Amino acid sequence: MSGSSGSESLLAPKNLSAFLLVSLIWGGTWLVIRDQISSVPPTWSICYRFVVASAGMFALAKLRGEPFRLLPGAGKWVLALAVFQFSLNFGFVYRAEGYVTSGLVAVIFSLLVVPNAVLGKIYLGQPIRREFVVGSSIAAIGVAMLFAQEYRASPATLGEVLLGAALCIGGILSASFANILQATDGAKRQPLLTLLAWSMLGGAVLNAVVALLLEGPPQFDPRPSYALGVVYLGLAGSVVTFPLYYGLVRKVGAGTAAYSSVIVPVVAMILSTLFEGFVWGPLPAAGAAITLVGMVVAMRTRSAPPPRRATPEP
């Protein structure tokens, strides 16, 4: 694989606004996912989400003037994103919420910044700067404090927490691989919205096959809140966010873009305060503050040097 290093600053107004919007929307998806898996098997809920998302992404691509067809050789990128981003990643995450609280899943998933930075360095030549390492170390302390609070508040047993954490790690690695893959030169030659639309449709098909094999015939919850949740996750949680997030990966680097996953737990806990009665104490408040300080330090990076080639693309 090969690619270019992120050369833009996350603090540039356009990039920062995209980063904040992605963080806010994804911070609100955890509560919705919890409701989605309460009455319908996870894989069917994921399938419905990406049926809606693919339709929305095709419509957005049409609106933005992108072609319906991809360039020759796009099949491998579509299949890889469908498998790793829109099947494995979400399969792991949805199942993790069956064992631990949504807040705990959000906190664990903030570790995405680590493999994104490492794989971005290896495959895309994106530098890991000193500010990023220092900021990430500071943020890690804040995330650990949030994790401690969520673990103490979780009704799950130690075994359930460990299983939930293992599922989260599977989701993190799958998502990180997809993040890096779509930023390679081969994937970047494809129109982004069209690539995402076909990948989401492929993800919906893959999830339907897995659901039929593991969970039986299609199941659907007739509650309006369930249907609205599918639409929210498909449109706001996927069609709006993935083009913005993948655009950030390409512009500012995979590690820096993944800082959205560090902010998401803070947003999720704020929403939990509003809708679930979560009470802030000294530990989570300090953890949230330290996490934000770490993110600010990590974002204080200068423009990256000219792109450096990594290993040739297969």
Protein backbone atom coordinates (compact mmCIF):
# COMPACT_ATOMS: atom_id res chain seq x y z
CA MET A 1 0.00 0.00 0.00
CA SER A 2 1.05 3.57 -0.45
CA GLY A 3 -0.39 6.92 0.37
CA SER A 4 0.34 10.46 1.32
CA SER A 5 0.84 11.83 4.77
CA GLY A 6 -1.74 14.20 6.18
CA SER A 7 -0.38 17.67 5.43
CA GLU A 8 -3.19 19.89 6.70
CA SER A 9 -3.82 21.08 10.24
CA LEU A 10 -6.84 19.81 12.14
CA LEU A 11 -7.25 23.35 13.48
CA ALA A 12 -8.02 24.70 10.02
CA PRO A 13 -11.66 25.91 10.26
CA LYS A 14 -13.05 23.48 7.67
CA ASN A 15 -11.25 20.49 9.19
CA LEU A 16 -12.10 21.46 12.76
CA SER A 17 -15.79 21.91 11.98
CA ALA A 18 -15.88 18.48 10.30
CA PHE A 19 -14.05 16.95 13.28
CA LEU A 20 -16.47 18.45 15.80
CA LEU A 21 -19.55 17.42 13.82
CA VAL A 22 -18.32 13.82 13.50
CA SER A 23 -17.51 13.69 17.23
CA LEU A 24 -20.91 15.08 18.24
CA ILE A 25 -22.91 12.76 15.97
CA TRP A 26 -20.93 9.62 16.82
CA GLY A 27 -21.10 10.54 20.50
CA GLY A 28 -24.88 10.27 20.23
CA THR A 29 -24.96 6.94 18.38
CA TRP A 30 -24.08 4.80 21.41
CA LEU A 31 -27.42 5.36 23.14
CA VAL A 32 -29.27 4.54 19.91
CA ILE A 33 -27.26 1.36 19.35
CA ARG A 34 -28.16 0.19 22.84
CA ASP A 35 -31.86 0.44 21.96
CA GLN A 36 -31.28 -1.21 18.56
CA ILE A 37 -29.93 -4.43 20.06
CA SER A 38 -32.51 -4.63 22.86
CA SER A 39 -35.13 -6.33 20.70
CA VAL A 40 -33.52 -7.26 17.36
CA PRO A 41 -30.42 -9.43 16.80
CA PRO A 42 -27.37 -7.18 16.27
CA THR A 43 -26.52 -8.30 12.75
CA TRP A 44 -30.03 -7.61 11.45
CA SER A 45 -29.91 -4.12 13.00
CA ILE A 46 -26.55 -3.49 11.30
CA CYS A 47 -27.96 -4.76 8.00
CA TYR A 48 -30.93 -2.36 8.17
CA ARG A 49 -28.60 0.51 9.08
CA PHE A 50 -26.49 0.05 5.97
CA VAL A 51 -29.44 -0.53 3.66
CA VAL A 52 -30.54 2.98 4.67
CA ALA A 53 -26.96 4.30 4.62
CA SER A 54 -26.15 2.96 1.15
CA ALA A 55 -29.33 4.47 -0.30
CA GLY A 56 -28.51 7.79 1.35
CA MET A 57 -24.90 7.70 0.17
CA PHE A 58 -25.90 6.97 -3.43
CA ALA A 59 -28.30 9.93 -3.25
CA LEU A 60 -25.56 12.16 -1.83
CA ALA A 61 -23.12 11.04 -4.54
CA LYS A 62 -25.71 11.89 -7.19
CA LEU A 63 -26.33 15.28 -5.58
CA ARG A 64 -22.59 16.02 -5.51
CA GLY A 65 -22.14 14.97 -9.13
CA GLU A 66 -20.06 11.85 -8.50
CA PRO A 67 -20.37 9.00 -11.04
CA PHE A 68 -22.46 5.95 -10.27
CA ARG A 69 -19.68 3.66 -11.48
CA LEU A 70 -16.27 3.24 -9.91
CA LEU A 71 -12.99 3.11 -11.81
CA PRO A 72 -11.58 -0.28 -12.93
CA GLY A 73 -10.03 -2.29 -10.11
CA ALA A 74 -12.33 -0.84 -7.44
CA GLY A 75 -13.75 -4.23 -6.45
CA LYS A 76 -11.00 -5.01 -3.95
CA TRP A 77 -11.46 -1.67 -2.18
CA VAL A 78 -15.24 -2.08 -2.02
CA LEU A 79 -14.92 -5.62 -0.65
CA ALA A 80 -12.27 -4.67 1.91
CA LEU A 81 -14.26 -1.72 3.25
CA ALA A 82 -17.48 -3.76 3.27
CA VAL A 83 -15.79 -6.52 5.29
CA PHE A 84 -13.64 -4.55 7.71
CA GLN A 85 -15.55 -1.28 8.21
CA PHE A 86 -19.20 -2.09 7.61
CA SER A 87 -19.33 -5.72 8.75
CA LEU A 88 -16.61 -6.73 11.22
CA ASN A 89 -16.21 -3.35 12.91
CA PHE A 90 -19.91 -2.85 13.57
CA GLY A 91 -20.47 -6.51 14.33
CA PHE A 92 -17.90 -6.38 17.11
CA VAL A 93 -19.16 -3.05 18.49
CA TYR A 94 -22.87 -3.93 18.52
CA ARG A 95 -22.14 -7.24 20.27
CA ALA A 96 -19.87 -5.55 22.80
CA GLU A 97 -22.81 -3.44 23.94
CA GLY A 98 -24.57 -6.65 24.86
CA TYR A 99 -22.01 -7.20 27.63
CA VAL A 100 -20.97 -3.76 28.85
CA THR A 101 -22.51 -0.29 28.97
CA SER A 102 -22.50 1.95 25.91
CA GLY A 103 -20.31 4.44 27.78
CA LEU A 104 -17.71 1.78 28.49
CA VAL A 105 -17.68 0.70 24.83
CA ALA A 106 -17.21 4.34 23.78
CA VAL A 107 -14.31 4.76 26.19
CA ILE A 108 -12.55 1.58 25.04
CA PHE A 109 -13.04 2.53 21.40
CA SER A 110 -11.08 5.73 21.98
CA LEU A 111 -7.98 3.50 21.69
CA LEU A 112 -8.51 3.67 17.91
CA VAL A 113 -6.03 6.55 17.90
CA VAL A 114 -3.16 4.12 18.63
CA PRO A 115 -3.41 1.63 15.73
CA ASN A 116 -4.41 4.44 13.38
CA ALA A 117 -1.22 6.34 14.18
CA VAL A 118 1.00 3.25 13.99
CA LEU A 119 -0.50 1.87 10.76
CA GLY A 120 -0.54 5.35 9.26
CA LYS A 121 3.18 5.60 9.94
CA ILE A 122 3.90 2.16 8.46
CA TYR A 123 1.72 2.19 5.36
CA LEU A 124 1.10 5.86 4.56
CA GLY A 125 4.30 7.49 5.78
CA GLN A 126 2.30 9.77 8.09
CA PRO A 127 4.70 11.01 10.80
CA ILE A 128 4.06 10.47 14.50
CA ARG A 129 5.06 13.84 15.92
CA ARG A 130 6.27 14.63 19.41
CA GLU A 131 3.20 16.76 20.12
CA PHE A 132 0.98 13.87 19.13
CA VAL A 133 2.79 11.45 21.46
CA VAL A 134 2.67 13.92 24.39
CA GLY A 135 -0.96 14.80 23.79
CA SER A 136 -1.95 11.15 23.39
CA SER A 137 -0.20 10.29 26.66
CA ILE A 138 -2.09 13.05 28.47
CA ALA A 139 -5.38 12.00 26.89
CA ALA A 140 -4.70 8.37 27.85
CA ILE A 141 -4.72 9.39 31.51
CA GLY A 142 -8.10 11.07 31.05
CA VAL A 143 -9.51 8.09 29.17
CA ALA A 144 -8.29 5.75 31.93
CA MET A 145 -10.17 7.86 34.47
CA LEU A 146 -13.33 7.73 32.37
CA PHE A 147 -12.89 3.96 31.99
CA ALA A 148 -12.54 3.57 35.77
CA GLN A 149 -15.76 5.53 36.32
CA GLU A 150 -17.69 3.56 33.69
CA TYR A 151 -16.39 0.24 35.03
CA ARG A 152 -17.41 1.12 38.59
CA ALA A 153 -20.88 2.11 37.38
CA SER A 154 -21.30 -0.93 35.12
CA PRO A 155 -23.44 -3.83 36.41
CA ALA A 156 -21.40 -6.28 34.29
CA THR A 157 -19.22 -8.96 35.88
CA LEU A 158 -15.46 -9.00 35.32
CA GLY A 159 -15.85 -11.79 32.76
CA GLU A 160 -18.46 -9.80 30.85
CA VAL A 161 -16.30 -6.69 30.92
CA LEU A 162 -13.31 -8.64 29.57
CA LEU A 163 -15.43 -10.20 26.81
CA GLY A 164 -16.89 -6.81 25.93
CA ALA A 165 -13.40 -5.29 25.88
CA ALA A 166 -12.15 -8.09 23.60
CA LEU A 167 -15.01 -7.46 21.18
CA CYS A 168 -14.18 -3.74 21.25
CA ILE A 169 -10.54 -4.48 20.42
CA GLY A 170 -11.72 -6.53 17.43
CA GLY A 171 -13.81 -3.58 16.29
CA ILE A 172 -10.92 -1.16 16.79
CA LEU A 173 -8.50 -3.23 14.71
CA SER A 174 -11.06 -3.74 11.94
CA ALA A 175 -11.89 -0.03 11.82
CA SER A 176 -8.23 0.97 11.86
CA PHE A 177 -7.39 -1.31 8.94
CA ALA A 178 -10.29 0.17 6.97
CA ASN A 179 -9.20 3.72 7.87
CA ILE A 180 -5.72 3.14 6.49
CA LEU A 181 -6.89 1.18 3.44
CA GLN A 182 -9.20 3.91 2.15
CA ALA A 183 -6.39 6.49 2.41
CA THR A 184 -4.03 4.55 0.10
CA ASP A 185 -3.39 5.83 -3.40
CA GLY A 186 -5.46 3.08 -5.03
CA ALA A 187 -8.54 3.81 -2.94
CA LYS A 188 -8.09 7.59 -3.24
CA ARG A 189 -8.35 7.34 -7.02
CA GLN A 190 -11.96 6.26 -6.56
CA PRO A 191 -14.70 8.88 -6.00
CA LEU A 192 -15.13 8.81 -2.22
CA LEU A 193 -18.92 9.00 -1.95
CA THR A 194 -19.45 6.37 -4.64
CA LEU A 195 -16.85 4.11 -3.03
CA LEU A 196 -18.61 4.46 0.33
CA ALA A 197 -22.04 3.85 -1.22
CA TRP A 198 -21.01 0.58 -2.85
CA SER A 199 -19.06 -0.49 0.26
CA MET A 200 -22.07 0.17 2.50
CA LEU A 201 -24.31 -1.80 0.14
CA GLY A 202 -21.77 -4.62 0.25
CA GLY A 203 -21.75 -4.40 4.03
CA ALA A 204 -25.55 -4.65 4.12
CA VAL A 205 -25.44 -7.78 1.95
CA LEU A 206 -22.68 -9.39 4.02
CA ASN A 207 -24.52 -8.67 7.26
CA ALA A 208 -27.74 -10.11 5.81
CA VAL A 209 -25.94 -13.35 4.91
CA VAL A 210 -24.33 -13.61 8.35
CA ALA A 211 -27.65 -12.82 10.04
CA LEU A 212 -29.48 -15.50 8.07
CA LEU A 213 -26.84 -18.07 9.03
CA LEU A 214 -26.50 -17.13 12.70
CA GLU A 215 -29.74 -15.43 13.71
CA GLY A 216 -32.41 -16.85 11.41
CA PRO A 217 -35.01 -15.02 9.29
CA PRO A 218 -35.22 -11.21 9.33
CA GLN A 219 -36.56 -9.68 12.52
CA PHE A 220 -37.80 -6.11 12.93
CA ASP A 221 -39.11 -4.16 15.92
CA PRO A 222 -42.36 -2.34 15.04
CA ARG A 223 -41.72 0.40 17.62
CA PRO A 224 -41.37 3.86 15.98
CA SER A 225 -38.28 4.50 18.10
CA TYR A 226 -36.54 1.48 16.56
CA ALA A 227 -37.29 2.58 12.98
CA LEU A 228 -36.22 6.14 13.77
CA GLY A 229 -33.03 4.75 15.29
CA VAL A 230 -32.25 2.83 12.09
CA VAL A 231 -32.78 6.00 10.04
CA TYR A 232 -30.67 8.11 12.41
CA LEU A 233 -27.79 5.64 12.42
CA GLY A 234 -28.00 5.14 8.66
CA LEU A 235 -28.20 8.81 7.66
CA ALA A 236 -26.71 10.98 10.41
CA GLY A 237 -24.44 8.28 11.88
CA SER A 238 -23.16 7.04 8.51
CA VAL A 239 -23.99 9.18 5.46
CA VAL A 240 -23.07 12.47 7.16
CA THR A 241 -20.10 11.27 9.17
CA PHE A 242 -18.12 8.77 7.08
CA PRO A 243 -17.34 11.15 4.18
CA LEU A 244 -16.25 13.79 6.70
CA TYR A 245 -14.18 11.36 8.77
CA TYR A 246 -12.48 9.67 5.82
CA GLY A 247 -11.79 13.12 4.39
CA LEU A 248 -10.02 14.00 7.64
CA VAL A 249 -7.97 10.80 7.51
CA ARG A 250 -6.72 11.83 4.08
CA LYS A 251 -6.09 15.49 5.01
CA VAL A 252 -4.74 15.49 8.57
CA GLY A 253 -3.59 11.89 9.00
CA ALA A 254 -5.14 8.73 10.42
CA GLY A 255 -3.88 9.21 13.98
CA THR A 256 -5.07 12.80 14.29
CA ALA A 257 -8.47 12.06 12.73
CA ALA A 258 -8.96 9.23 15.22
CA TYR A 259 -9.00 11.79 18.02
CA SER A 260 -12.73 11.95 17.32
CA SER A 261 -12.89 8.60 19.13
CA VAL A 262 -11.32 10.27 22.18
CA ILE A 263 -13.92 13.03 22.23
CA VAL A 264 -16.85 10.66 21.61
CA PRO A 265 -16.86 9.19 25.16
CA VAL A 266 -17.04 12.68 26.64
CA VAL A 267 -19.98 13.53 24.36
CA ALA A 268 -21.61 10.18 25.19
CA MET A 269 -21.34 10.87 28.92
CA ILE A 270 -22.76 14.37 28.52
CA LEU A 271 -25.73 12.91 26.65
CA SER A 272 -26.04 10.26 29.34
CA THR A 273 -26.31 13.11 31.85
CA LEU A 274 -29.17 14.63 29.87
CA PHE A 275 -31.09 11.46 29.04
CA GLU A 276 -30.01 8.73 31.49
CA GLY A 277 -29.45 10.63 34.72
CA PHE A 278 -25.67 10.14 34.77
CA VAL A 279 -24.16 12.06 37.69
CA TRP A 280 -20.77 13.70 37.20
CA GLY A 281 -18.33 13.23 40.05
CA PRO A 282 -14.73 14.36 40.50
CA LEU A 283 -13.28 11.36 38.64
CA PRO A 284 -15.22 11.60 35.35
CA ALA A 285 -15.07 15.41 35.38
CA ALA A 286 -11.30 15.36 35.78
CA GLY A 287 -10.98 12.60 33.18
CA ALA A 288 -13.00 14.57 30.63
CA ALA A 289 -10.95 17.72 31.27
CA ILE A 290 -7.61 15.90 30.98
CA THR A 291 -8.77 14.18 27.77
CA LEU A 292 -9.62 17.53 26.19
CA VAL A 293 -6.27 19.03 27.24
CA GLY A 294 -4.46 16.06 25.68
CA MET A 295 -6.37 16.48 22.45
CA VAL A 296 -5.48 20.18 22.23
CA VAL A 297 -1.80 19.39 22.78
CA ALA A 298 -1.88 16.62 20.18
CA MET A 299 -3.47 18.89 17.58
CA ARG A 300 -0.72 21.48 17.88
CA THR A 301 1.23 20.08 14.94
CA ARG A 302 2.95 21.94 12.15
CA SER A 303 2.43 21.11 8.53
CA ALA A 304 3.82 17.73 7.63
CA PRO A 305 6.79 17.33 5.25
CA PRO A 306 6.21 16.30 1.62
CA PRO A 307 4.64 12.85 1.15
CA ARG A 308 6.94 9.92 1.60
CA ARG A 309 6.37 6.67 -0.23
CA ALA A 310 5.97 3.48 1.71
CA THR A 311 5.91 -0.01 0.24
CA PRO A 312 4.60 -0.27 -3.34
CA GLU A 313 0.90 -0.85 -3.78
CA PRO A 314 0.10 -4.47 -4.63
